[in-house]
C-alpha atoms as a PDB file:
ATOM      1  CA  UNK A   1      26.623   8.210   8.178  1.00  0.00           C
ATOM      2  CA  UNK A   2      23.484   6.343   7.216  1.00  0.00           C
ATOM      3  CA  UNK A   3      19.935   7.544   6.913  1.00  0.00           C
ATOM      4  CA  UNK A   4      18.848   5.146   9.780  1.00  0.00           C
ATOM      5  CA  UNK A   5      21.587   6.428  12.309  1.00  0.00           C
ATOM      6  CA  UNK A   6      19.845   9.477  12.028  1.00  0.00           C
ATOM      7  CA  UNK A   7      16.528   8.444  12.370  1.00  0.00           C
ATOM      8  CA  UNK A   8      17.495   6.660  15.533  1.00  0.00           C
ATOM      9  CA  UNK A   9      18.611   9.785  16.966  1.00  0.00           C
ATOM     10  CA  UNK A  10      15.847  11.921  16.253  1.00  0.00           C
ATOM     11  CA  UNK A  11      13.047   9.432  16.849  1.00  0.00           C
ATOM     12  CA  UNK A  12      14.441   6.818  19.843  1.00  0.00           C
ATOM     13  CA  UNK A  13      17.698   7.720  21.465  1.00  0.00           C
ATOM     14  CA  UNK A  14      17.340  12.108  21.196  1.00  0.00           C
ATOM     15  CA  UNK A  15      21.160  12.474  21.474  1.00  0.00           C
ATOM     16  CA  UNK A  16      22.005  16.065  20.759  1.00  0.00           C
ATOM     17  CA  UNK A  17      22.231  16.698  17.158  1.00  0.00           C
ATOM     18  CA  UNK A  18      25.117  15.336  15.827  1.00  0.00           C
ATOM     19  CA  UNK A  19      25.754  16.483  11.530  1.00  0.00           C
ATOM     20  CA  UNK A  20      28.974  17.415  12.574  1.00  0.00           C
ATOM     21  CA  UNK A  21      30.940  17.514   9.192  1.00  0.00           C
ATOM     22  CA  UNK A  22      30.227  19.012   6.080  1.00  0.00           C
ATOM     23  CA  UNK A  23      30.055  15.727   4.510  1.00  0.00           C
ATOM     24  CA  UNK A  24      27.469  14.471   6.864  1.00  0.00           C
ATOM     25  CA  UNK A  25      25.813  17.230   6.237  1.00  0.00           C
ATOM     26  CA  UNK A  26      25.478  16.828   2.722  1.00  0.00           C
ATOM     27  CA  UNK A  27      24.045  13.527   2.886  1.00  0.00           C
ATOM     28  CA  UNK A  28      21.684  14.422   4.811  1.00  0.00           C
ATOM     29  CA  UNK A  29      18.029  14.297   3.249  1.00  0.00           C
ATOM     30  CA  UNK A  30      15.268  15.772   4.498  1.00  0.00           C
ATOM     31  CA  UNK A  31      12.867  14.113   2.148  1.00  0.00           C
ATOM     32  CA  UNK A  32      14.024  10.440   3.041  1.00  0.00           C
ATOM     33  CA  UNK A  33      14.266  11.547   6.430  1.00  0.00           C
ATOM     34  CA  UNK A  34      10.680  12.764   6.732  1.00  0.00           C
ATOM     35  CA  UNK A  35       9.784   9.754   4.662  1.00  0.00           C
ATOM     36  CA  UNK A  36      10.693   7.319   7.222  1.00  0.00           C
ATOM     37  CA  UNK A  37      10.248   9.017  10.099  1.00  0.00           C
ATOM     38  CA  UNK A  38       6.476   8.667   8.806  1.00  0.00           C
ATOM     39  CA  UNK A  39       7.066   5.359   8.665  1.00  0.00           C
ATOM     40  CA  UNK A  40       8.340   4.289  12.101  1.00  0.00           C
ATOM     41  CA  UNK A  41       5.684   5.321  13.969  1.00  0.00           C
ATOM     42  CA  UNK A  42       2.061   6.357  12.782  1.00  0.00           C
ATOM     43  CA  UNK A  43       1.596   9.382  15.335  1.00  0.00           C
ATOM     44  CA  UNK A  44       4.307  11.093  13.999  1.00  0.00           C
ATOM     45  CA  UNK A  45       2.927  11.152  10.415  1.00  0.00           C
ATOM     46  CA  UNK A  46       1.131  14.741  11.126  1.00  0.00           C
ATOM     47  CA  UNK A  47       4.253  16.214  12.731  1.00  0.00           C
ATOM     48  CA  UNK A  48       6.145  15.189   9.744  1.00  0.00           C
ATOM     49  CA  UNK A  49       3.389  16.325   7.493  1.00  0.00           C
ATOM     50  CA  UNK A  50       3.227  19.976   8.926  1.00  0.00           C
ATOM     51  CA  UNK A  51       7.075  20.050   8.775  1.00  0.00           C
ATOM     52  CA  UNK A  52       6.911  19.484   4.858  1.00  0.00           C
ATOM     53  CA  UNK A  53       6.970  22.877   4.106  1.00  0.00           C
ATOM     54  CA  UNK A  54      10.149  23.996   5.687  1.00  0.00           C
ATOM     55  CA  UNK A  55      12.158  21.778   3.885  1.00  0.00           C
ATOM     56  CA  UNK A  56      12.950  24.356   1.259  1.00  0.00           C
ATOM     57  CA  UNK A  57      13.277  27.221   3.996  1.00  0.00           C
ATOM     58  CA  UNK A  58      15.787  25.609   5.762  1.00  0.00           C
ATOM     59  CA  UNK A  59      19.349  24.043   5.674  1.00  0.00           C
ATOM     60  CA  UNK A  60      20.125  20.451   6.192  1.00  0.00           C
ATOM     61  CA  UNK A  61      21.860  21.173   9.278  1.00  0.00           C
ATOM     62  CA  UNK A  62      18.798  23.874  10.616  1.00  0.00           C
ATOM     63  CA  UNK A  63      16.563  21.708   9.395  1.00  0.00           C
ATOM     64  CA  UNK A  64      17.830  18.431  11.185  1.00  0.00           C
ATOM     65  CA  UNK A  65      18.049  20.683  14.394  1.00  0.00           C
ATOM     66  CA  UNK A  66      14.520  21.372  13.946  1.00  0.00           C
ATOM     67  CA  UNK A  67      13.198  17.973  13.599  1.00  0.00           C
ATOM     68  CA  UNK A  68      15.374  17.187  17.044  1.00  0.00           C
ATOM     69  CA  UNK A  69      13.464  19.479  18.730  1.00  0.00           C
ATOM     70  CA  UNK A  70      10.072  19.059  17.182  1.00  0.00           C
ATOM     71  CA  UNK A  71       9.797  15.222  17.181  1.00  0.00           C
ATOM     72  CA  UNK A  72       9.139  13.256  20.719  1.00  0.00           C
ATOM     73  CA  UNK A  73      11.140  10.728  21.792  1.00  0.00           C
ATOM     74  CA  UNK A  74       9.386   7.390  21.435  1.00  0.00           C
ATOM     75  CA  UNK A  75       9.848   3.997  22.470  1.00  0.00           C
ATOM     76  CA  UNK A  76      12.202   2.312  20.244  1.00  0.00           C
ATOM     77  CA  UNK A  77      10.999  -0.261  18.156  1.00  0.00           C
ATOM     78  CA  UNK A  78      11.611  -2.440  14.747  1.00  0.00           C
ATOM     79  CA  UNK A  79      10.476  -0.850  11.467  1.00  0.00           C
ATOM     80  CA  UNK A  80      11.370  -1.461   8.331  1.00  0.00           C
ATOM     81  CA  UNK A  81      10.197  -0.463   4.779  1.00  0.00           C
ATOM     82  CA  UNK A  82       6.521  -1.581   3.317  1.00  0.00           C
ATOM     83  CA  UNK A  83       6.511  -2.375  -0.315  1.00  0.00           C
ATOM     84  CA  UNK A  84       3.486  -2.243  -1.939  1.00  0.00           C
ATOM     85  CA  UNK A  85       1.862  -5.045  -3.725  1.00  0.00           C
ATOM     86  CA  UNK A  86       3.368  -6.436  -6.848  1.00  0.00           C
ATOM     87  CA  UNK A  87       0.661  -6.182  -9.662  1.00  0.00           C
ATOM     88  CA  UNK A  88      -0.084  -8.770 -12.248  1.00  0.00           C
ATOM     89  CA  UNK A  89      -2.826  -8.530 -14.526  1.00  0.00           C
ATOM     90  CA  UNK A  90      -5.776  -6.695 -12.446  1.00  0.00           C
ATOM     91  CA  UNK A  91      -9.184  -7.983 -12.382  1.00  0.00           C
ATOM     92  CA  UNK A  92     -10.762  -4.756 -13.350  1.00  0.00           C
ATOM     93  CA  UNK A  93      -8.792  -4.872 -16.651  1.00  0.00           C
ATOM     94  CA  UNK A  94     -10.516  -7.952 -17.743  1.00  0.00           C
ATOM     95  CA  UNK A  95     -13.323  -6.726 -17.402  1.00  0.00           C
ATOM     96  CA  UNK A  96     -12.893  -3.730 -19.554  1.00  0.00           C
ATOM     97  CA  UNK A  97     -11.474  -6.045 -22.151  1.00  0.00           C
ATOM     98  CA  UNK A  98     -14.804  -8.023 -22.038  1.00  0.00           C
ATOM     99  CA  UNK A  99     -17.094  -4.965 -22.033  1.00  0.00           C
ATOM    100  CA  UNK A 100     -14.632  -3.860 -25.374  1.00  0.00           C
ATOM    101  CA  UNK A 101     -15.129  -7.680 -27.328  1.00  0.00           C
ATOM    102  CA  UNK A 102     -19.002  -7.216 -26.087  1.00  0.00           C
ATOM    103  CA  UNK A 103     -19.362  -3.701 -27.660  1.00  0.00           C
ATOM    104  CA  UNK A 104     -17.023  -4.344 -30.379  1.00  0.00           C
ATOM    105  CA  UNK A 105     -14.869  -1.297 -29.859  1.00  0.00           C
ATOM    106  CA  UNK A 106     -11.589  -0.219 -28.373  1.00  0.00           C
ATOM    107  CA  UNK A 107     -10.479   0.734 -25.072  1.00  0.00           C
ATOM    108  CA  UNK A 108     -10.281   4.289 -26.255  1.00  0.00           C
ATOM    109  CA  UNK A 109     -13.578   4.137 -27.647  1.00  0.00           C
ATOM    110  CA  UNK A 110     -14.761   2.581 -24.660  1.00  0.00           C
ATOM    111  CA  UNK A 111     -13.727   5.661 -22.492  1.00  0.00           C
ATOM    112  CA  UNK A 112     -15.279   7.742 -25.091  1.00  0.00           C
ATOM    113  CA  UNK A 113     -18.722   6.224 -25.446  1.00  0.00           C
ATOM    114  CA  UNK A 114     -19.181   5.426 -21.752  1.00  0.00           C
ATOM    115  CA  UNK A 115     -16.691   8.069 -20.314  1.00  0.00           C
ATOM    116  CA  UNK A 116     -13.593   6.807 -18.210  1.00  0.00           C
ATOM    117  CA  UNK A 117     -15.902   7.455 -14.925  1.00  0.00           C
ATOM    118  CA  UNK A 118     -18.530   4.785 -15.840  1.00  0.00           C
ATOM    119  CA  UNK A 119     -15.863   2.346 -16.694  1.00  0.00           C
ATOM    120  CA  UNK A 120     -14.411   2.761 -13.502  1.00  0.00           C
ATOM    121  CA  UNK A 121     -17.956   2.457 -11.479  1.00  0.00           C
ATOM    122  CA  UNK A 122     -18.674  -0.485 -13.586  1.00  0.00           C
ATOM    123  CA  UNK A 123     -15.544  -2.386 -12.985  1.00  0.00           C
ATOM    124  CA  UNK A 124     -16.008  -1.214  -8.721  1.00  0.00           C
ATOM    125  CA  UNK A 125     -19.352  -2.177  -8.942  1.00  0.00           C
ATOM    126  CA  UNK A 126     -18.181  -6.033  -9.929  1.00  0.00           C
ATOM    127  CA  UNK A 127     -16.060  -5.738  -6.797  1.00  0.00           C
ATOM    128  CA  UNK A 128     -12.483  -5.053  -8.384  1.00  0.00           C
ATOM    129  CA  UNK A 129     -10.659  -1.892  -7.921  1.00  0.00           C
ATOM    130  CA  UNK A 130      -9.408  -0.335 -11.424  1.00  0.00           C
END
């Protein structure tokens, strides 16, 4: 059984809990289910966050039934995984290198002399994130 079938059952269709075979129970991953449910709807994220503490206390089948009862039925919609943006060379790193060249010191020495917080403050003041 795919994780998407589990998510659809828990969030959209609300059919009776359907982890029937031992193989399905073994494939059930509470961590991944929680992760995907929090991406389905922003209103479900606080519910999932509160339920994180129960992952280790319950077995998979009990946890699935618990989620089935706790998560409200929502309107069916398309959901997809949101990938983070690929980072190339960050502009903040370029500023760090310019500081090192101007002061004629290494990056380690820059952190020692100015402190990592001050370096981040300088980079952020130029409008870049480090």
